[in-house]
């Protein structure tokens, strides 16, 4: 099963150093029954793109909580065994938890299929979105417009072998 783990660049650096993605259980996003129902598609590529988008929003939330980290969203795509990722039944109806799963056990960075990261030119919009996120969550339409502006930037795809260069670069 493919899951998408939201991180920041500093979180990616920590994962690269330790060899593992986050503390257990790892919060990730995947094609869940609720995501299928919400997205109304049977195309697995479209559904996986939607799960990636949900992880990118979660990465934005991590950035909002950590103003000292580089303002670029990071999502790591990882293949985990079927059954390793489960949904929280108590959050099943929560729109904020759409596609959210928890992965039991350690998630080795070596299992990553790819890393998705904002280009440096996205930083101003991602910065503004992180700052507007709290107001958007309270229903402020103008703030939601700013948050949506970050989504206009496609995350770039990187092979896992490129992680050292990603961590050392500012591009």
C-alpha atoms as a PDB file:
ATOM      1  CA  UNK A   1       0.000   0.000   0.000  1.00  0.00           C
ATOM      2  CA  UNK A   2       1.290   3.454  -0.893  1.00  0.00           C
ATOM      3  CA  UNK A   3       1.098   6.061   1.872  1.00  0.00           C
ATOM      4  CA  UNK A   4       2.120   9.698   1.828  1.00  0.00           C
ATOM      5  CA  UNK A   5       3.927  10.975   4.921  1.00  0.00           C
ATOM      6  CA  UNK A   6       3.840  14.743   5.502  1.00  0.00           C
ATOM      7  CA  UNK A   7       7.100  16.290   6.696  1.00  0.00           C
ATOM      8  CA  UNK A   8       9.107  19.487   6.588  1.00  0.00           C
ATOM      9  CA  UNK A   9      12.654  19.802   5.274  1.00  0.00           C
ATOM     10  CA  UNK A  10      13.945  19.611   8.843  1.00  0.00           C
ATOM     11  CA  UNK A  11      11.794  16.506   9.381  1.00  0.00           C
ATOM     12  CA  UNK A  12      13.239  14.993   6.208  1.00  0.00           C
ATOM     13  CA  UNK A  13      16.749  15.767   7.463  1.00  0.00           C
ATOM     14  CA  UNK A  14      15.954  13.993  10.733  1.00  0.00           C
ATOM     15  CA  UNK A  15      14.532  10.990   8.847  1.00  0.00           C
ATOM     16  CA  UNK A  16      17.650  10.878   6.691  1.00  0.00           C
ATOM     17  CA  UNK A  17      19.833  10.935   9.810  1.00  0.00           C
ATOM     18  CA  UNK A  18      17.866   8.272  11.744  1.00  0.00           C
ATOM     19  CA  UNK A  19      16.675   6.202   8.788  1.00  0.00           C
ATOM     20  CA  UNK A  20      13.050   6.335   9.988  1.00  0.00           C
ATOM     21  CA  UNK A  21      10.061   8.540   9.230  1.00  0.00           C
ATOM     22  CA  UNK A  22       8.729  10.037  12.455  1.00  0.00           C
ATOM     23  CA  UNK A  23       7.555   8.592  15.732  1.00  0.00           C
ATOM     24  CA  UNK A  24       5.205   5.636  15.905  1.00  0.00           C
ATOM     25  CA  UNK A  25       2.509   5.525  14.829  1.00  0.00           C
ATOM     26  CA  UNK A  26       3.400   7.517  11.730  1.00  0.00           C
ATOM     27  CA  UNK A  27       0.576   9.718  10.469  1.00  0.00           C
ATOM     28  CA  UNK A  28       0.213   9.458   6.717  1.00  0.00           C
ATOM     29  CA  UNK A  29      -2.395   9.766   3.972  1.00  0.00           C
ATOM     30  CA  UNK A  30      -3.586   7.067   1.611  1.00  0.00           C
ATOM     31  CA  UNK A  31      -6.420   6.039  -0.657  1.00  0.00           C
ATOM     32  CA  UNK A  32      -9.014   5.123   1.966  1.00  0.00           C
ATOM     33  CA  UNK A  33     -12.689   4.257   1.446  1.00  0.00           C
ATOM     34  CA  UNK A  34     -13.649   7.729   2.700  1.00  0.00           C
ATOM     35  CA  UNK A  35     -11.236   9.374   0.232  1.00  0.00           C
ATOM     36  CA  UNK A  36     -12.695   7.284  -2.614  1.00  0.00           C
ATOM     37  CA  UNK A  37     -16.196   8.350  -1.650  1.00  0.00           C
ATOM     38  CA  UNK A  38     -15.229  12.016  -1.334  1.00  0.00           C
ATOM     39  CA  UNK A  39     -13.253  12.128  -4.597  1.00  0.00           C
ATOM     40  CA  UNK A  40     -15.775  10.100  -6.617  1.00  0.00           C
ATOM     41  CA  UNK A  41     -13.230   8.455  -8.855  1.00  0.00           C
ATOM     42  CA  UNK A  42     -12.108   4.931  -9.543  1.00  0.00           C
ATOM     43  CA  UNK A  43      -8.867   6.071 -11.226  1.00  0.00           C
ATOM     44  CA  UNK A  44      -6.136   5.028  -8.788  1.00  0.00           C
ATOM     45  CA  UNK A  45      -3.704   7.675 -10.069  1.00  0.00           C
ATOM     46  CA  UNK A  46      -6.255  10.427  -9.418  1.00  0.00           C
ATOM     47  CA  UNK A  47      -6.978   8.996  -5.975  1.00  0.00           C
ATOM     48  CA  UNK A  48      -3.285   8.786  -5.098  1.00  0.00           C
ATOM     49  CA  UNK A  49      -2.850  12.385  -6.281  1.00  0.00           C
ATOM     50  CA  UNK A  50      -5.712  13.370  -3.951  1.00  0.00           C
ATOM     51  CA  UNK A  51      -4.000  11.539  -1.056  1.00  0.00           C
ATOM     52  CA  UNK A  52      -0.747  13.345  -1.911  1.00  0.00           C
ATOM     53  CA  UNK A  53      -2.657  16.635  -1.790  1.00  0.00           C
ATOM     54  CA  UNK A  54      -4.055  15.796   1.642  1.00  0.00           C
ATOM     55  CA  UNK A  55      -0.492  15.040   2.835  1.00  0.00           C
ATOM     56  CA  UNK A  56       0.713  18.348   1.369  1.00  0.00           C
ATOM     57  CA  UNK A  57      -1.938  20.157   3.429  1.00  0.00           C
ATOM     58  CA  UNK A  58      -0.769  18.252   6.512  1.00  0.00           C
ATOM     59  CA  UNK A  59       2.796  19.329   5.704  1.00  0.00           C
ATOM     60  CA  UNK A  60       1.552  22.923   5.575  1.00  0.00           C
ATOM     61  CA  UNK A  61       0.110  22.419   9.067  1.00  0.00           C
ATOM     62  CA  UNK A  62       3.530  21.210  10.249  1.00  0.00           C
ATOM     63  CA  UNK A  63       5.081  24.351   8.783  1.00  0.00           C
ATOM     64  CA  UNK A  64       2.518  26.546  10.537  1.00  0.00           C
ATOM     65  CA  UNK A  65       3.441  24.895  13.847  1.00  0.00           C
ATOM     66  CA  UNK A  66       7.187  25.364  13.280  1.00  0.00           C
ATOM     67  CA  UNK A  67       7.944  28.890  12.056  1.00  0.00           C
ATOM     68  CA  UNK A  68      11.696  28.240  12.174  1.00  0.00           C
ATOM     69  CA  UNK A  69      11.761  25.636   9.403  1.00  0.00           C
ATOM     70  CA  UNK A  70      12.153  26.269   5.666  1.00  0.00           C
ATOM     71  CA  UNK A  71       8.799  27.164   4.095  1.00  0.00           C
ATOM     72  CA  UNK A  72       8.553  24.250   1.679  1.00  0.00           C
ATOM     73  CA  UNK A  73       6.064  21.409   1.926  1.00  0.00           C
ATOM     74  CA  UNK A  74       7.533  17.898   1.926  1.00  0.00           C
ATOM     75  CA  UNK A  75       5.728  14.593   1.361  1.00  0.00           C
ATOM     76  CA  UNK A  76       7.439  11.207   1.312  1.00  0.00           C
ATOM     77  CA  UNK A  77       5.724   8.429  -0.661  1.00  0.00           C
ATOM     78  CA  UNK A  78       6.308   5.086   1.032  1.00  0.00           C
ATOM     79  CA  UNK A  79       5.151   1.576   0.290  1.00  0.00           C
ATOM     80  CA  UNK A  80       4.065  -0.259   3.436  1.00  0.00           C
ATOM     81  CA  UNK A  81       2.632  -3.767   3.806  1.00  0.00           C
ATOM     82  CA  UNK A  82      -1.125  -4.063   3.378  1.00  0.00           C
ATOM     83  CA  UNK A  83      -2.725  -3.836   6.796  1.00  0.00           C
ATOM     84  CA  UNK A  84       0.105  -1.743   8.270  1.00  0.00           C
ATOM     85  CA  UNK A  85      -1.904   1.455   7.711  1.00  0.00           C
ATOM     86  CA  UNK A  86      -5.228   1.846   9.475  1.00  0.00           C
ATOM     87  CA  UNK A  87      -7.807   4.597   9.747  1.00  0.00           C
ATOM     88  CA  UNK A  88      -9.005   5.951  13.072  1.00  0.00           C
ATOM     89  CA  UNK A  89     -12.717   5.043  13.298  1.00  0.00           C
ATOM     90  CA  UNK A  90     -13.311   7.947  15.690  1.00  0.00           C
ATOM     91  CA  UNK A  91     -12.143  10.412  13.028  1.00  0.00           C
ATOM     92  CA  UNK A  92     -13.913   8.793  10.075  1.00  0.00           C
ATOM     93  CA  UNK A  93     -16.461  11.593   9.690  1.00  0.00           C
ATOM     94  CA  UNK A  94     -14.008  14.427  10.336  1.00  0.00           C
ATOM     95  CA  UNK A  95     -13.335  16.208   7.013  1.00  0.00           C
ATOM     96  CA  UNK A  96      -9.858  17.167   8.263  1.00  0.00           C
ATOM     97  CA  UNK A  97      -8.994  13.463   8.609  1.00  0.00           C
ATOM     98  CA  UNK A  98      -9.993  12.511   5.058  1.00  0.00           C
ATOM     99  CA  UNK A  99      -7.449   9.962   3.818  1.00  0.00           C
ATOM    100  CA  UNK A 100      -5.559   9.992   7.109  1.00  0.00           C
ATOM    101  CA  UNK A 101      -4.046   6.712   8.262  1.00  0.00           C
ATOM    102  CA  UNK A 102      -1.708   5.624  11.012  1.00  0.00           C
ATOM    103  CA  UNK A 103       1.145   3.287  10.188  1.00  0.00           C
ATOM    104  CA  UNK A 104       2.114   0.954  13.004  1.00  0.00           C
ATOM    105  CA  UNK A 105       5.734   0.136  13.595  1.00  0.00           C
ATOM    106  CA  UNK A 106       8.763   1.965  12.315  1.00  0.00           C
ATOM    107  CA  UNK A 107       8.634   3.242   8.732  1.00  0.00           C
ATOM    108  CA  UNK A 108      12.137   2.997   7.266  1.00  0.00           C
ATOM    109  CA  UNK A 109      13.135   5.794   4.923  1.00  0.00           C
ATOM    110  CA  UNK A 110      14.693   3.032   2.790  1.00  0.00           C
ATOM    111  CA  UNK A 111      11.124   1.959   1.881  1.00  0.00           C
ATOM    112  CA  UNK A 112      10.400   5.372   0.354  1.00  0.00           C
ATOM    113  CA  UNK A 113       9.493   5.385  -3.320  1.00  0.00           C
ATOM    114  CA  UNK A 114       9.902   9.132  -3.835  1.00  0.00           C
ATOM    115  CA  UNK A 115      10.031  12.511  -2.152  1.00  0.00           C
ATOM    116  CA  UNK A 116       7.800  15.412  -3.196  1.00  0.00           C
ATOM    117  CA  UNK A 117       8.959  18.939  -2.308  1.00  0.00           C
ATOM    118  CA  UNK A 118       7.986  22.495  -3.199  1.00  0.00           C
ATOM    119  CA  UNK A 119      10.319  24.398  -5.490  1.00  0.00           C
ATOM    120  CA  UNK A 120      11.980  27.418  -3.902  1.00  0.00           C
ATOM    121  CA  UNK A 121       9.728  29.785  -5.879  1.00  0.00           C
ATOM    122  CA  UNK A 122       6.752  28.441  -3.896  1.00  0.00           C
ATOM    123  CA  UNK A 123       8.171  29.682  -0.588  1.00  0.00           C
ATOM    124  CA  UNK A 124       6.383  33.082  -0.530  1.00  0.00           C
ATOM    125  CA  UNK A 125       2.975  31.477  -1.171  1.00  0.00           C
ATOM    126  CA  UNK A 126       3.649  28.601   1.247  1.00  0.00           C
ATOM    127  CA  UNK A 127       4.765  31.102   3.906  1.00  0.00           C
ATOM    128  CA  UNK A 128       1.587  33.139   3.443  1.00  0.00           C
ATOM    129  CA  UNK A 129      -0.542  29.973   3.501  1.00  0.00           C
ATOM    130  CA  UNK A 130       1.059  28.756   6.737  1.00  0.00           C
ATOM    131  CA  UNK A 131       0.361  32.140   8.332  1.00  0.00           C
ATOM    132  CA  UNK A 132      -3.270  32.152   7.107  1.00  0.00           C
ATOM    133  CA  UNK A 133      -4.057  28.548   8.023  1.00  0.00           C
ATOM    134  CA  UNK A 134      -5.479  29.213  11.479  1.00  0.00           C
ATOM    135  CA  UNK A 135      -7.841  31.904  10.175  1.00  0.00           C
ATOM    136  CA  UNK A 136      -8.866  29.651   7.271  1.00  0.00           C
ATOM    137  CA  UNK A 137      -9.702  26.896   9.757  1.00  0.00           C
ATOM    138  CA  UNK A 138     -12.003  29.365  11.530  1.00  0.00           C
ATOM    139  CA  UNK A 139     -13.891  29.953   8.268  1.00  0.00           C
ATOM    140  CA  UNK A 140     -12.210  33.118   6.975  1.00  0.00           C
ATOM    141  CA  UNK A 141     -12.744  32.990   3.188  1.00  0.00           C
ATOM    142  CA  UNK A 142      -9.904  35.402   2.428  1.00  0.00           C
ATOM    143  CA  UNK A 143      -7.503  33.291   4.472  1.00  0.00           C
ATOM    144  CA  UNK A 144      -8.750  30.149   2.710  1.00  0.00           C
ATOM    145  CA  UNK A 145      -7.963  31.824  -0.619  1.00  0.00           C
ATOM    146  CA  UNK A 146      -4.377  32.370   0.606  1.00  0.00           C
ATOM    147  CA  UNK A 147      -4.107  28.738   1.753  1.00  0.00           C
ATOM    148  CA  UNK A 148      -5.437  27.567  -1.610  1.00  0.00           C
ATOM    149  CA  UNK A 149      -2.686  29.640  -3.254  1.00  0.00           C
ATOM    150  CA  UNK A 150      -0.080  27.199  -1.950  1.00  0.00           C
ATOM    151  CA  UNK A 151      -1.933  24.399  -3.745  1.00  0.00           C
ATOM    152  CA  UNK A 152      -1.295  26.201  -7.035  1.00  0.00           C
ATOM    153  CA  UNK A 153       2.292  24.996  -6.703  1.00  0.00           C
ATOM    154  CA  UNK A 154       2.852  21.399  -7.731  1.00  0.00           C
ATOM    155  CA  UNK A 155       5.206  19.471  -5.516  1.00  0.00           C
ATOM    156  CA  UNK A 156       8.268  18.378  -7.456  1.00  0.00           C
ATOM    157  CA  UNK A 157       9.185  14.686  -7.611  1.00  0.00           C
ATOM    158  CA  UNK A 158      12.596  13.552  -6.399  1.00  0.00           C
ATOM    159  CA  UNK A 159      14.146  10.105  -6.298  1.00  0.00           C
ATOM    160  CA  UNK A 160      15.205   9.012  -2.837  1.00  0.00           C
ATOM    161  CA  UNK A 161      18.844   9.104  -3.968  1.00  0.00           C
ATOM    162  CA  UNK A 162      18.425  12.879  -4.320  1.00  0.00           C
ATOM    163  CA  UNK A 163      17.594  13.449  -0.633  1.00  0.00           C
ATOM    164  CA  UNK A 164      21.165  14.497   0.298  1.00  0.00           C
ATOM    165  CA  UNK A 165      21.150  17.091  -2.496  1.00  0.00           C
ATOM    166  CA  UNK A 166      17.681  18.279  -1.470  1.00  0.00           C
ATOM    167  CA  UNK A 167      18.801  18.797   2.079  1.00  0.00           C
ATOM    168  CA  UNK A 168      21.892  20.681   1.005  1.00  0.00           C
ATOM    169  CA  UNK A 169      20.197  22.877  -1.546  1.00  0.00           C
ATOM    170  CA  UNK A 170      18.054  25.977  -1.419  1.00  0.00           C
ATOM    171  CA  UNK A 171      16.531  25.516  -4.887  1.00  0.00           C
END
